[in-house]
Amino acid sequence: MPDLLVELPLLFAQDAPAAGGSASLLPFFLYLLPIALWFYLLILRPKQIEDRKRQEMIQALKKNDKVFTTAGIYGTVVSLDPDHDRVVLRVDDDRGVKLTFSRSSVLKVVEPSHEKDKDKEKEKEKAVESA
């Protein structure tokens, strides 16, 4: 029986790496892989999609679009200068105040101009029908 207790530590012994050798890093990277995947899916990918949509919106700006800028200013697009990355906005219709912004400062399009044109066409059709 005393010999059994002497052999017990050998049952729980692990292989130690050889002197100067390194342990395998594969299990460590296998634990990091799901974390990296979640980081990409929850943080990076939605940001990339949002940036792409915003860039498409900026490229699709047209005259008479009503926009909201990052400075908190609502305005109507008067002219676009793609060469110099500028957009001129009319911010006050009564006084004719116009401001020049960078195209990237446009945060969102509040009312696209084609919707405004469609509303005018519907009003004209109603006026023709009622007459």
N, C-alpha and C. Protein backbone atom coordinates (compact mmCIF):
# COMPACT_ATOMS: atom_id res chain seq x y z
N MET A 1 0.81 -1.20 0.00
CA MET A 1 0.00 0.00 0.00
C MET A 1 0.85 1.27 0.00
N PRO A 2 1.93 1.35 0.76
CA PRO A 2 2.75 2.56 0.72
C PRO A 2 3.35 2.81 -0.66
N ASP A 3 3.59 1.77 -1.44
CA ASP A 3 4.13 1.97 -2.78
C ASP A 3 3.11 2.65 -3.70
N LEU A 4 1.84 2.45 -3.45
CA LEU A 4 0.79 3.07 -4.25
C LEU A 4 0.80 4.60 -4.09
N LEU A 5 1.01 5.08 -2.88
CA LEU A 5 1.05 6.52 -2.65
C LEU A 5 2.29 7.15 -3.26
N VAL A 6 3.35 6.42 -3.40
CA VAL A 6 4.57 6.94 -4.02
C VAL A 6 4.35 7.14 -5.51
N GLU A 7 3.58 6.27 -6.16
CA GLU A 7 3.35 6.34 -7.60
C GLU A 7 2.24 7.34 -7.97
N LEU A 8 1.48 7.86 -7.03
CA LEU A 8 0.36 8.76 -7.28
C LEU A 8 0.76 10.04 -8.01
N PRO A 9 1.84 10.74 -7.64
CA PRO A 9 2.22 11.96 -8.38
C PRO A 9 2.51 11.69 -9.85
N LEU A 10 2.95 10.52 -10.20
CA LEU A 10 3.24 10.21 -11.59
C LEU A 10 1.97 10.14 -12.43
N LEU A 11 0.83 9.83 -11.80
CA LEU A 11 -0.43 9.77 -12.53
C LEU A 11 -0.87 11.16 -13.00
N PHE A 12 -0.57 12.19 -12.23
CA PHE A 12 -1.01 13.54 -12.56
C PHE A 12 0.07 14.39 -13.21
N ALA A 13 1.19 13.84 -13.51
CA ALA A 13 2.29 14.58 -14.14
C ALA A 13 1.93 14.90 -15.58
N GLN A 14 2.41 16.06 -16.07
CA GLN A 14 2.18 16.47 -17.45
C GLN A 14 3.51 16.50 -18.17
N ASP A 15 3.43 16.39 -19.47
CA ASP A 15 4.65 16.49 -20.26
C ASP A 15 5.11 17.94 -20.26
N ALA A 16 6.29 18.17 -19.84
CA ALA A 16 6.88 19.50 -19.85
C ALA A 16 7.59 19.69 -21.18
N PRO A 17 7.58 20.90 -21.73
CA PRO A 17 8.28 21.12 -22.98
C PRO A 17 9.79 20.92 -22.77
N ALA A 18 10.43 20.54 -23.83
CA ALA A 18 11.88 20.32 -23.75
C ALA A 18 12.57 21.64 -23.48
N ALA A 19 13.73 21.58 -22.94
CA ALA A 19 14.48 22.79 -22.62
C ALA A 19 14.72 23.59 -23.90
N GLY A 20 14.34 24.86 -23.87
CA GLY A 20 14.52 25.72 -25.03
C GLY A 20 13.37 25.62 -26.02
N GLY A 21 12.45 24.68 -25.85
CA GLY A 21 11.30 24.53 -26.75
C GLY A 21 10.15 25.39 -26.29
N SER A 22 9.12 25.53 -27.13
CA SER A 22 7.97 26.33 -26.75
C SER A 22 6.71 25.48 -26.83
N ALA A 23 5.75 25.83 -26.04
CA ALA A 23 4.48 25.12 -26.04
C ALA A 23 3.71 25.52 -27.30
N SER A 24 2.78 24.72 -27.72
CA SER A 24 1.99 25.00 -28.91
C SER A 24 1.04 26.17 -28.62
N LEU A 25 0.96 27.10 -29.56
CA LEU A 25 0.07 28.25 -29.41
C LEU A 25 -1.28 28.02 -30.08
N LEU A 26 -1.46 26.88 -30.68
CA LEU A 26 -2.70 26.59 -31.38
C LEU A 26 -3.94 26.69 -30.47
N PRO A 27 -3.95 26.12 -29.28
CA PRO A 27 -5.14 26.26 -28.43
C PRO A 27 -5.44 27.73 -28.08
N PHE A 28 -4.40 28.51 -27.90
CA PHE A 28 -4.58 29.93 -27.58
C PHE A 28 -5.29 30.64 -28.74
N PHE A 29 -4.86 30.39 -29.98
CA PHE A 29 -5.47 31.04 -31.14
C PHE A 29 -6.88 30.51 -31.40
N LEU A 30 -7.13 29.28 -31.04
CA LEU A 30 -8.48 28.75 -31.20
C LEU A 30 -9.46 29.45 -30.26
N TYR A 31 -9.00 29.89 -29.11
CA TYR A 31 -9.86 30.66 -28.20
C TYR A 31 -10.06 32.08 -28.72
N LEU A 32 -9.07 32.65 -29.37
CA LEU A 32 -9.17 34.02 -29.87
C LEU A 32 -10.00 34.13 -31.15
N LEU A 33 -10.08 33.08 -31.92
CA LEU A 33 -10.79 33.13 -33.19
C LEU A 33 -12.27 33.53 -33.04
N PRO A 34 -13.04 32.94 -32.14
CA PRO A 34 -14.44 33.39 -31.99
C PRO A 34 -14.56 34.84 -31.52
N ILE A 35 -13.63 35.27 -30.69
CA ILE A 35 -13.67 36.67 -30.22
C ILE A 35 -13.43 37.61 -31.39
N ALA A 36 -12.47 37.30 -32.23
CA ALA A 36 -12.20 38.13 -33.41
C ALA A 36 -13.39 38.12 -34.37
N LEU A 37 -14.02 36.99 -34.53
CA LEU A 37 -15.18 36.89 -35.41
C LEU A 37 -16.34 37.74 -34.88
N TRP A 38 -16.62 37.66 -33.60
CA TRP A 38 -17.68 38.49 -33.00
C TRP A 38 -17.36 39.97 -33.12
N PHE A 39 -16.12 40.34 -32.91
CA PHE A 39 -15.71 41.74 -33.04
C PHE A 39 -16.00 42.24 -34.45
N TYR A 40 -15.66 41.44 -35.45
CA TYR A 40 -15.90 41.83 -36.83
C TYR A 40 -17.40 41.95 -37.11
N LEU A 41 -18.17 40.95 -36.69
CA LEU A 41 -19.59 40.93 -37.01
C LEU A 41 -20.40 41.97 -36.26
N LEU A 42 -20.01 42.31 -35.04
CA LEU A 42 -20.80 43.24 -34.23
C LEU A 42 -20.32 44.68 -34.31
N ILE A 43 -19.06 44.89 -34.65
CA ILE A 43 -18.54 46.26 -34.64
C ILE A 43 -18.09 46.73 -36.03
N LEU A 44 -17.21 46.00 -36.65
CA LEU A 44 -16.62 46.47 -37.91
C LEU A 44 -17.59 46.41 -39.08
N ARG A 45 -18.27 45.31 -39.26
CA ARG A 45 -19.15 45.15 -40.43
C ARG A 45 -20.30 46.16 -40.45
N PRO A 46 -21.03 46.37 -39.35
CA PRO A 46 -22.10 47.38 -39.40
C PRO A 46 -21.56 48.78 -39.70
N LYS A 47 -20.39 49.10 -39.20
CA LYS A 47 -19.79 50.41 -39.48
C LYS A 47 -19.45 50.54 -40.96
N GLN A 48 -18.94 49.48 -41.57
CA GLN A 48 -18.62 49.52 -43.00
C GLN A 48 -19.89 49.71 -43.84
N ILE A 49 -20.96 49.02 -43.46
CA ILE A 49 -22.22 49.15 -44.19
C ILE A 49 -22.77 50.57 -44.07
N GLU A 50 -22.72 51.12 -42.86
CA GLU A 50 -23.20 52.49 -42.63
C GLU A 50 -22.38 53.50 -43.43
N ASP A 51 -21.07 53.34 -43.45
CA ASP A 51 -20.21 54.25 -44.21
C ASP A 51 -20.50 54.17 -45.70
N ARG A 52 -20.73 52.96 -46.20
CA ARG A 52 -21.02 52.79 -47.63
C ARG A 52 -22.33 53.47 -47.99
N LYS A 53 -23.36 53.31 -47.16
CA LYS A 53 -24.66 53.94 -47.43
C LYS A 53 -24.53 55.46 -47.41
N ARG A 54 -23.78 55.99 -46.45
CA ARG A 54 -23.60 57.44 -46.35
C ARG A 54 -22.85 57.97 -47.57
N GLN A 55 -21.84 57.24 -48.02
CA GLN A 55 -21.07 57.66 -49.19
C GLN A 55 -21.96 57.65 -50.44
N GLU A 56 -22.83 56.65 -50.57
CA GLU A 56 -23.76 56.61 -51.69
C GLU A 56 -24.73 57.78 -51.63
N MET A 57 -25.19 58.12 -50.42
CA MET A 57 -26.10 59.24 -50.25
C MET A 57 -25.42 60.55 -50.65
N ILE A 58 -24.18 60.72 -50.27
CA ILE A 58 -23.45 61.95 -50.61
C ILE A 58 -23.23 62.03 -52.12
N GLN A 59 -22.93 60.90 -52.75
CA GLN A 59 -22.71 60.90 -54.20
C GLN A 59 -24.02 61.17 -54.96
N ALA A 60 -25.16 60.84 -54.36
CA ALA A 60 -26.45 61.00 -55.02
C ALA A 60 -27.09 62.37 -54.76
N LEU A 61 -26.39 63.28 -54.10
CA LEU A 61 -26.96 64.61 -53.85
C LEU A 61 -27.27 65.31 -55.16
N LYS A 62 -28.43 66.00 -55.18
CA LYS A 62 -28.85 66.74 -56.36
C LYS A 62 -29.32 68.13 -55.93
N LYS A 63 -29.45 68.97 -56.91
CA LYS A 63 -29.97 70.30 -56.67
C LYS A 63 -31.39 70.19 -56.13
N ASN A 64 -31.75 71.05 -55.19
CA ASN A 64 -33.07 71.14 -54.54
C ASN A 64 -33.32 70.04 -53.51
N ASP A 65 -32.32 69.23 -53.16
CA ASP A 65 -32.47 68.30 -52.06
C ASP A 65 -32.41 69.07 -50.75
N LYS A 66 -33.29 68.75 -49.83
CA LYS A 66 -33.23 69.35 -48.50
C LYS A 66 -32.36 68.45 -47.64
N VAL A 67 -31.35 69.05 -46.99
CA VAL A 67 -30.36 68.26 -46.25
C VAL A 67 -30.17 68.80 -44.85
N PHE A 68 -29.57 67.97 -44.01
CA PHE A 68 -29.21 68.33 -42.64
C PHE A 68 -27.71 68.11 -42.52
N THR A 69 -26.98 69.12 -42.03
CA THR A 69 -25.52 69.04 -41.95
C THR A 69 -25.08 68.60 -40.55
N THR A 70 -23.80 68.26 -40.45
CA THR A 70 -23.25 67.88 -39.16
C THR A 70 -23.19 69.06 -38.20
N ALA A 71 -23.28 70.27 -38.73
CA ALA A 71 -23.29 71.47 -37.89
C ALA A 71 -24.69 71.75 -37.35
N GLY A 72 -25.68 70.96 -37.76
CA GLY A 72 -27.04 71.15 -37.27
C GLY A 72 -27.83 72.15 -38.09
N ILE A 73 -27.43 72.37 -39.33
CA ILE A 73 -28.08 73.36 -40.19
C ILE A 73 -28.91 72.64 -41.24
N TYR A 74 -30.16 73.05 -41.37
CA TYR A 74 -31.01 72.56 -42.45
C TYR A 74 -30.86 73.50 -43.63
N GLY A 75 -30.79 72.94 -44.82
CA GLY A 75 -30.67 73.78 -46.00
C GLY A 75 -31.10 73.05 -47.25
N THR A 76 -31.18 73.79 -48.35
CA THR A 76 -31.54 73.25 -49.64
C THR A 76 -30.33 73.37 -50.55
N VAL A 77 -30.01 72.30 -51.25
CA VAL A 77 -28.84 72.30 -52.13
C VAL A 77 -29.10 73.23 -53.31
N VAL A 78 -28.19 74.19 -53.48
CA VAL A 78 -28.28 75.14 -54.59
C VAL A 78 -27.37 74.69 -55.72
N SER A 79 -26.14 74.31 -55.37
CA SER A 79 -25.21 73.84 -56.39
C SER A 79 -24.21 72.86 -55.77
N LEU A 80 -23.65 72.03 -56.64
CA LEU A 80 -22.66 71.04 -56.23
C LEU A 80 -21.39 71.26 -57.05
N ASP A 81 -20.25 71.15 -56.39
CA ASP A 81 -18.96 71.26 -57.07
C ASP A 81 -18.15 70.00 -56.74
N PRO A 82 -18.27 68.95 -57.57
CA PRO A 82 -17.59 67.70 -57.25
C PRO A 82 -16.07 67.80 -57.34
N ASP A 83 -15.56 68.74 -58.13
CA ASP A 83 -14.10 68.89 -58.27
C ASP A 83 -13.46 69.35 -56.97
N HIS A 84 -14.13 70.26 -56.29
CA HIS A 84 -13.59 70.82 -55.04
C HIS A 84 -14.30 70.28 -53.81
N ASP A 85 -15.16 69.29 -53.98
CA ASP A 85 -15.86 68.65 -52.87
C ASP A 85 -16.66 69.65 -52.05
N ARG A 86 -17.42 70.50 -52.76
CA ARG A 86 -18.22 71.52 -52.08
C ARG A 86 -19.68 71.41 -52.46
N VAL A 87 -20.51 71.88 -51.55
CA VAL A 87 -21.94 71.99 -51.80
C VAL A 87 -22.39 73.34 -51.24
N VAL A 88 -23.19 74.05 -52.02
CA VAL A 88 -23.72 75.34 -51.58
C VAL A 88 -25.17 75.12 -51.16
N LEU A 89 -25.48 75.55 -49.93
CA LEU A 89 -26.82 75.37 -49.37
C LEU A 89 -27.48 76.72 -49.16
N ARG A 90 -28.76 76.79 -49.49
CA ARG A 90 -29.57 77.97 -49.18
C ARG A 90 -30.24 77.68 -47.85
N VAL A 91 -29.91 78.50 -46.83
CA VAL A 91 -30.42 78.24 -45.49
C VAL A 91 -31.56 79.16 -45.11
N ASP A 92 -31.72 80.27 -45.84
CA ASP A 92 -32.81 81.20 -45.55
C ASP A 92 -33.41 81.65 -46.87
N ASP A 93 -34.65 81.23 -47.13
CA ASP A 93 -35.29 81.56 -48.40
C ASP A 93 -35.64 83.04 -48.49
N ASP A 94 -36.04 83.66 -47.39
CA ASP A 94 -36.46 85.06 -47.42
C ASP A 94 -35.31 86.00 -47.75
N ARG A 95 -34.19 85.78 -47.13
CA ARG A 95 -33.03 86.68 -47.33
C ARG A 95 -32.05 86.15 -48.37
N GLY A 96 -32.22 84.92 -48.80
CA GLY A 96 -31.33 84.34 -49.79
C GLY A 96 -29.94 84.02 -49.25
N VAL A 97 -29.86 83.64 -47.98
CA VAL A 97 -28.58 83.33 -47.37
C VAL A 97 -28.10 81.98 -47.87
N LYS A 98 -26.85 81.97 -48.39
CA LYS A 98 -26.26 80.74 -48.90
C LYS A 98 -24.95 80.49 -48.17
N LEU A 99 -24.71 79.23 -47.83
CA LEU A 99 -23.48 78.82 -47.17
C LEU A 99 -22.83 77.70 -47.96
N THR A 100 -21.50 77.67 -47.93
CA THR A 100 -20.75 76.63 -48.63
C THR A 100 -20.22 75.65 -47.60
N PHE A 101 -20.45 74.36 -47.88
CA PHE A 101 -20.00 73.29 -46.99
C PHE A 101 -19.23 72.27 -47.80
N SER A 102 -18.50 71.45 -47.08
CA SER A 102 -17.91 70.26 -47.69
C SER A 102 -19.02 69.25 -47.90
N ARG A 103 -18.90 68.45 -48.95
CA ARG A 103 -19.95 67.45 -49.21
C ARG A 103 -20.03 66.45 -48.06
N SER A 104 -18.91 66.17 -47.43
CA SER A 104 -18.91 65.19 -46.34
C SER A 104 -19.59 65.71 -45.08
N SER A 105 -19.86 67.02 -45.02
CA SER A 105 -20.54 67.56 -43.85
C SER A 105 -22.05 67.35 -43.92
N VAL A 106 -22.56 66.87 -45.04
CA VAL A 106 -23.99 66.57 -45.15
C VAL A 106 -24.24 65.27 -44.40
N LEU A 107 -25.07 65.35 -43.37
CA LEU A 107 -25.34 64.18 -42.54
C LEU A 107 -26.43 63.29 -43.13
N LYS A 108 -27.52 63.93 -43.59
CA LYS A 108 -28.59 63.14 -44.19
C LYS A 108 -29.43 64.02 -45.09
N VAL A 109 -30.11 63.37 -46.01
CA VAL A 109 -31.04 64.04 -46.90
C VAL A 109 -32.40 63.97 -46.25
N VAL A 110 -32.97 65.12 -45.96
CA VAL A 110 -34.27 65.18 -45.28
C VAL A 110 -35.39 64.93 -46.27
N GLU A 111 -35.31 65.60 -47.44
CA GLU A 111 -36.35 65.48 -48.45
C GLU A 111 -35.68 65.52 -49.82
N PRO A 112 -35.62 64.38 -50.51
CA PRO A 112 -35.03 64.37 -51.85
C PRO A 112 -35.85 65.20 -52.82
N SER A 113 -35.22 65.76 -53.82
CA SER A 113 -35.92 66.64 -54.76
C SER A 113 -36.91 65.89 -55.62
N HIS A 114 -36.68 64.61 -55.96
CA HIS A 114 -37.63 63.88 -56.81
C HIS A 114 -38.95 63.67 -56.11
N GLU A 115 -38.98 63.55 -54.79
CA GLU A 115 -40.25 63.44 -54.07
C GLU A 115 -41.02 64.75 -54.15
N LYS A 116 -40.29 65.84 -54.10
CA LYS A 116 -40.91 67.16 -54.19
C LYS A 116 -41.56 67.32 -55.57
N ASP A 117 -40.86 66.85 -56.62
CA ASP A 117 -41.40 66.93 -57.97
C ASP A 117 -42.64 66.07 -58.11
N LYS A 118 -42.65 64.88 -57.51
CA LYS A 118 -43.80 64.00 -57.58
C LYS A 118 -45.00 64.63 -56.88
N ASP A 119 -44.75 65.31 -55.74
CA ASP A 119 -45.85 65.98 -55.04
C ASP A 119 -46.45 67.09 -55.90
N LYS A 120 -45.60 67.84 -56.60
CA LYS A 120 -46.10 68.90 -57.47
C LYS A 120 -46.92 68.33 -58.62
N GLU A 121 -46.48 67.18 -59.17
CA GLU A 121 -47.23 66.55 -60.25
C GLU A 121 -48.60 66.08 -59.76
N LYS A 122 -48.66 65.54 -58.54
CA LYS A 122 -49.93 65.08 -57.98
C LYS A 122 -50.88 66.26 -57.77
N GLU A 123 -50.33 67.39 -57.32
CA GLU A 123 -51.16 68.58 -57.12
C GLU A 123 -51.70 69.08 -58.44
N LYS A 124 -50.87 69.03 -59.50
CA LYS A 124 -51.32 69.47 -60.82
C LYS A 124 -52.43 68.55 -61.33
N GLU A 125 -52.27 67.24 -61.12
CA GLU A 125 -53.28 66.28 -61.56
C GLU A 125 -54.61 66.52 -60.83
N LYS A 126 -54.53 66.82 -59.54
CA LYS A 126 -55.75 67.09 -58.77
C LYS A 126 -56.42 68.37 -59.27
N ALA A 127 -55.61 69.36 -59.61
CA ALA A 127 -56.16 70.62 -60.08
C ALA A 127 -56.87 70.41 -61.45
N VAL A 128 -56.27 69.58 -62.30
CA VAL A 128 -56.87 69.29 -63.61
C VAL A 128 -58.16 68.52 -63.43
N GLU A 129 -58.20 67.55 -62.51
CA GLU A 129 -59.38 66.75 -62.28
C GLU A 129 -60.51 67.58 -61.70
N SER A 130 -60.18 68.51 -60.82
CA SER A 130 -61.24 69.31 -60.20
C SER A 130 -61.77 70.38 -61.13
N ALA A 131 -61.03 70.75 -62.15
CA ALA A 131 -61.49 71.80 -63.07
C ALA A 131 -62.43 71.29 -64.12
